[in-house]
């Protein structure tokens, strides 16, 4: 998509960012940081060869998750997976108390 406004000011040989450009730069940096976080998380998961992974999820995610977990088990046979099914409030509480490593729910908690 296009911003629809100029991002750069050109004065002779000098180029500077417009106010819109400054804003877009902030968002571009956030996007790049998020992509890097995702890559780091993927790298950590690739290295996860042993241990226990505790996953909490809402019951509606069960079928979708079971397929994913079956695949994960093939790729990481040394990882013991424990699952907890709960409602949204229970999952948020489990996350806060470090009872689960990952919680899968409809929308992210506040």
C-alpha atoms as a PDB file:
ATOM      1  CA  UNK A   1       0.000   0.000   0.000  1.00  0.00           C
ATOM      2  CA  UNK A   2       0.995   3.619  -0.473  1.00  0.00           C
ATOM      3  CA  UNK A   3       0.999   6.310   2.172  1.00  0.00           C
ATOM      4  CA  UNK A   4      -0.292   8.889  -0.292  1.00  0.00           C
ATOM      5  CA  UNK A   5       1.920  11.661   1.087  1.00  0.00           C
ATOM      6  CA  UNK A   6       5.554  12.549   0.444  1.00  0.00           C
ATOM      7  CA  UNK A   7       8.022  10.872   2.804  1.00  0.00           C
ATOM      8  CA  UNK A   8      11.071  12.872   1.739  1.00  0.00           C
ATOM      9  CA  UNK A   9      11.876  16.552   1.352  1.00  0.00           C
ATOM     10  CA  UNK A  10      14.420  17.274  -1.361  1.00  0.00           C
ATOM     11  CA  UNK A  11      16.197  20.633  -1.205  1.00  0.00           C
ATOM     12  CA  UNK A  12      18.953  20.712  -3.787  1.00  0.00           C
ATOM     13  CA  UNK A  13      21.321  17.890  -2.832  1.00  0.00           C
ATOM     14  CA  UNK A  14      19.887  17.536   0.670  1.00  0.00           C
ATOM     15  CA  UNK A  15      17.230  14.937   1.389  1.00  0.00           C
ATOM     16  CA  UNK A  16      15.362  14.852   4.692  1.00  0.00           C
ATOM     17  CA  UNK A  17      12.281  13.086   6.013  1.00  0.00           C
ATOM     18  CA  UNK A  18       8.931  14.871   6.094  1.00  0.00           C
ATOM     19  CA  UNK A  19       6.844  14.573   9.285  1.00  0.00           C
ATOM     20  CA  UNK A  20       4.926  11.740   7.602  1.00  0.00           C
ATOM     21  CA  UNK A  21       8.265  10.147   6.706  1.00  0.00           C
ATOM     22  CA  UNK A  22       9.384  10.352  10.354  1.00  0.00           C
ATOM     23  CA  UNK A  23       6.187   8.574  11.458  1.00  0.00           C
ATOM     24  CA  UNK A  24       6.544   5.905   8.789  1.00  0.00           C
ATOM     25  CA  UNK A  25      10.158   5.329   9.860  1.00  0.00           C
ATOM     26  CA  UNK A  26       8.967   4.614  13.414  1.00  0.00           C
ATOM     27  CA  UNK A  27       6.480   2.031  12.094  1.00  0.00           C
ATOM     28  CA  UNK A  28       9.043   0.513   9.708  1.00  0.00           C
ATOM     29  CA  UNK A  29      11.438   0.046  12.652  1.00  0.00           C
ATOM     30  CA  UNK A  30       8.664  -1.572  14.718  1.00  0.00           C
ATOM     31  CA  UNK A  31       7.850  -3.940  11.836  1.00  0.00           C
ATOM     32  CA  UNK A  32      11.507  -4.915  11.424  1.00  0.00           C
ATOM     33  CA  UNK A  33      11.866  -5.448  15.184  1.00  0.00           C
ATOM     34  CA  UNK A  34       8.763  -7.675  15.198  1.00  0.00           C
ATOM     35  CA  UNK A  35      10.102  -9.709  12.263  1.00  0.00           C
ATOM     36  CA  UNK A  36      13.395 -10.138  14.130  1.00  0.00           C
ATOM     37  CA  UNK A  37      11.516 -11.250  17.271  1.00  0.00           C
ATOM     38  CA  UNK A  38       9.654 -13.845  15.183  1.00  0.00           C
ATOM     39  CA  UNK A  39      12.927 -15.085  13.668  1.00  0.00           C
ATOM     40  CA  UNK A  40      14.502 -15.294  17.152  1.00  0.00           C
ATOM     41  CA  UNK A  41      11.498 -17.240  18.455  1.00  0.00           C
ATOM     42  CA  UNK A  42      11.701 -19.637  15.495  1.00  0.00           C
ATOM     43  CA  UNK A  43      15.429 -20.128  16.136  1.00  0.00           C
ATOM     44  CA  UNK A  44      14.743 -20.886  19.807  1.00  0.00           C
ATOM     45  CA  UNK A  45      12.042 -23.404  18.853  1.00  0.00           C
ATOM     46  CA  UNK A  46      14.386 -25.097  16.383  1.00  0.00           C
ATOM     47  CA  UNK A  47      16.887 -25.576  19.200  1.00  0.00           C
ATOM     48  CA  UNK A  48      14.226 -26.965  21.569  1.00  0.00           C
ATOM     49  CA  UNK A  49      15.194 -30.624  21.494  1.00  0.00           C
ATOM     50  CA  UNK A  50      14.462 -31.746  25.067  1.00  0.00           C
ATOM     51  CA  UNK A  51      12.363 -30.652  27.988  1.00  0.00           C
ATOM     52  CA  UNK A  52       8.717 -30.032  28.751  1.00  0.00           C
ATOM     53  CA  UNK A  53       6.469 -27.657  26.830  1.00  0.00           C
ATOM     54  CA  UNK A  54       3.216 -26.811  28.594  1.00  0.00           C
ATOM     55  CA  UNK A  55       0.495 -25.436  26.336  1.00  0.00           C
ATOM     56  CA  UNK A  56      -2.807 -24.045  27.532  1.00  0.00           C
ATOM     57  CA  UNK A  57      -5.665 -23.471  25.123  1.00  0.00           C
ATOM     58  CA  UNK A  58      -9.355 -22.808  24.784  1.00  0.00           C
ATOM     59  CA  UNK A  59     -11.314 -25.916  23.801  1.00  0.00           C
ATOM     60  CA  UNK A  60     -12.232 -24.453  20.398  1.00  0.00           C
ATOM     61  CA  UNK A  61      -8.527 -24.541  19.443  1.00  0.00           C
ATOM     62  CA  UNK A  62      -8.249 -28.283  20.160  1.00  0.00           C
ATOM     63  CA  UNK A  63      -8.518 -29.727  16.643  1.00  0.00           C
ATOM     64  CA  UNK A  64      -6.284 -27.143  15.030  1.00  0.00           C
ATOM     65  CA  UNK A  65      -3.699 -27.525  17.811  1.00  0.00           C
ATOM     66  CA  UNK A  66      -3.664 -31.311  17.838  1.00  0.00           C
ATOM     67  CA  UNK A  67      -2.636 -31.327  14.159  1.00  0.00           C
ATOM     68  CA  UNK A  68       0.150 -28.829  14.873  1.00  0.00           C
ATOM     69  CA  UNK A  69       1.337 -30.735  17.925  1.00  0.00           C
ATOM     70  CA  UNK A  70       1.440 -34.023  16.013  1.00  0.00           C
ATOM     71  CA  UNK A  71       3.787 -32.330  13.555  1.00  0.00           C
ATOM     72  CA  UNK A  72       5.846 -30.789  16.392  1.00  0.00           C
ATOM     73  CA  UNK A  73       6.223 -34.213  18.045  1.00  0.00           C
ATOM     74  CA  UNK A  74       7.693 -35.674  14.835  1.00  0.00           C
ATOM     75  CA  UNK A  75      10.181 -32.789  14.556  1.00  0.00           C
ATOM     76  CA  UNK A  76      11.039 -32.727  18.286  1.00  0.00           C
ATOM     77  CA  UNK A  77      10.605 -36.246  19.698  1.00  0.00           C
ATOM     78  CA  UNK A  78      12.598 -35.330  22.837  1.00  0.00           C
ATOM     79  CA  UNK A  79      10.119 -32.678  23.949  1.00  0.00           C
ATOM     80  CA  UNK A  80       7.391 -33.798  26.328  1.00  0.00           C
ATOM     81  CA  UNK A  81       4.194 -31.850  25.662  1.00  0.00           C
ATOM     82  CA  UNK A  82       1.691 -31.231  28.426  1.00  0.00           C
ATOM     83  CA  UNK A  83      -1.649 -29.637  27.662  1.00  0.00           C
ATOM     84  CA  UNK A  84      -4.167 -27.729  29.761  1.00  0.00           C
ATOM     85  CA  UNK A  85      -7.583 -26.782  28.464  1.00  0.00           C
ATOM     86  CA  UNK A  86      -9.317 -23.842  30.086  1.00  0.00           C
ATOM     87  CA  UNK A  87     -11.448 -20.820  29.433  1.00  0.00           C
ATOM     88  CA  UNK A  88      -9.935 -17.450  28.628  1.00  0.00           C
ATOM     89  CA  UNK A  89      -9.715 -16.217  32.246  1.00  0.00           C
ATOM     90  CA  UNK A  90      -8.146 -19.476  33.412  1.00  0.00           C
ATOM     91  CA  UNK A  91      -5.552 -19.287  30.617  1.00  0.00           C
ATOM     92  CA  UNK A  92      -4.613 -15.687  31.450  1.00  0.00           C
ATOM     93  CA  UNK A  93      -4.197 -16.737  35.077  1.00  0.00           C
ATOM     94  CA  UNK A  94      -2.072 -19.788  34.077  1.00  0.00           C
ATOM     95  CA  UNK A  95       0.141 -17.522  31.969  1.00  0.00           C
ATOM     96  CA  UNK A  96       0.561 -15.004  34.796  1.00  0.00           C
ATOM     97  CA  UNK A  97       1.480 -17.809  37.227  1.00  0.00           C
ATOM     98  CA  UNK A  98       3.874 -19.433  34.711  1.00  0.00           C
ATOM     99  CA  UNK A  99       1.790 -22.624  34.765  1.00  0.00           C
ATOM    100  CA  UNK A 100       1.821 -22.722  30.967  1.00  0.00           C
ATOM    101  CA  UNK A 101       4.560 -21.741  28.501  1.00  0.00           C
ATOM    102  CA  UNK A 102       2.122 -20.816  25.739  1.00  0.00           C
ATOM    103  CA  UNK A 103      -1.582 -19.980  25.761  1.00  0.00           C
ATOM    104  CA  UNK A 104      -3.709 -20.196  22.631  1.00  0.00           C
ATOM    105  CA  UNK A 105      -6.931 -18.180  22.682  1.00  0.00           C
ATOM    106  CA  UNK A 106      -9.179 -16.172  20.390  1.00  0.00           C
ATOM    107  CA  UNK A 107      -7.786 -12.708  21.073  1.00  0.00           C
ATOM    108  CA  UNK A 108      -4.697 -11.611  22.999  1.00  0.00           C
ATOM    109  CA  UNK A 109      -5.231 -10.533  26.611  1.00  0.00           C
ATOM    110  CA  UNK A 110      -4.991  -6.828  27.505  1.00  0.00           C
END
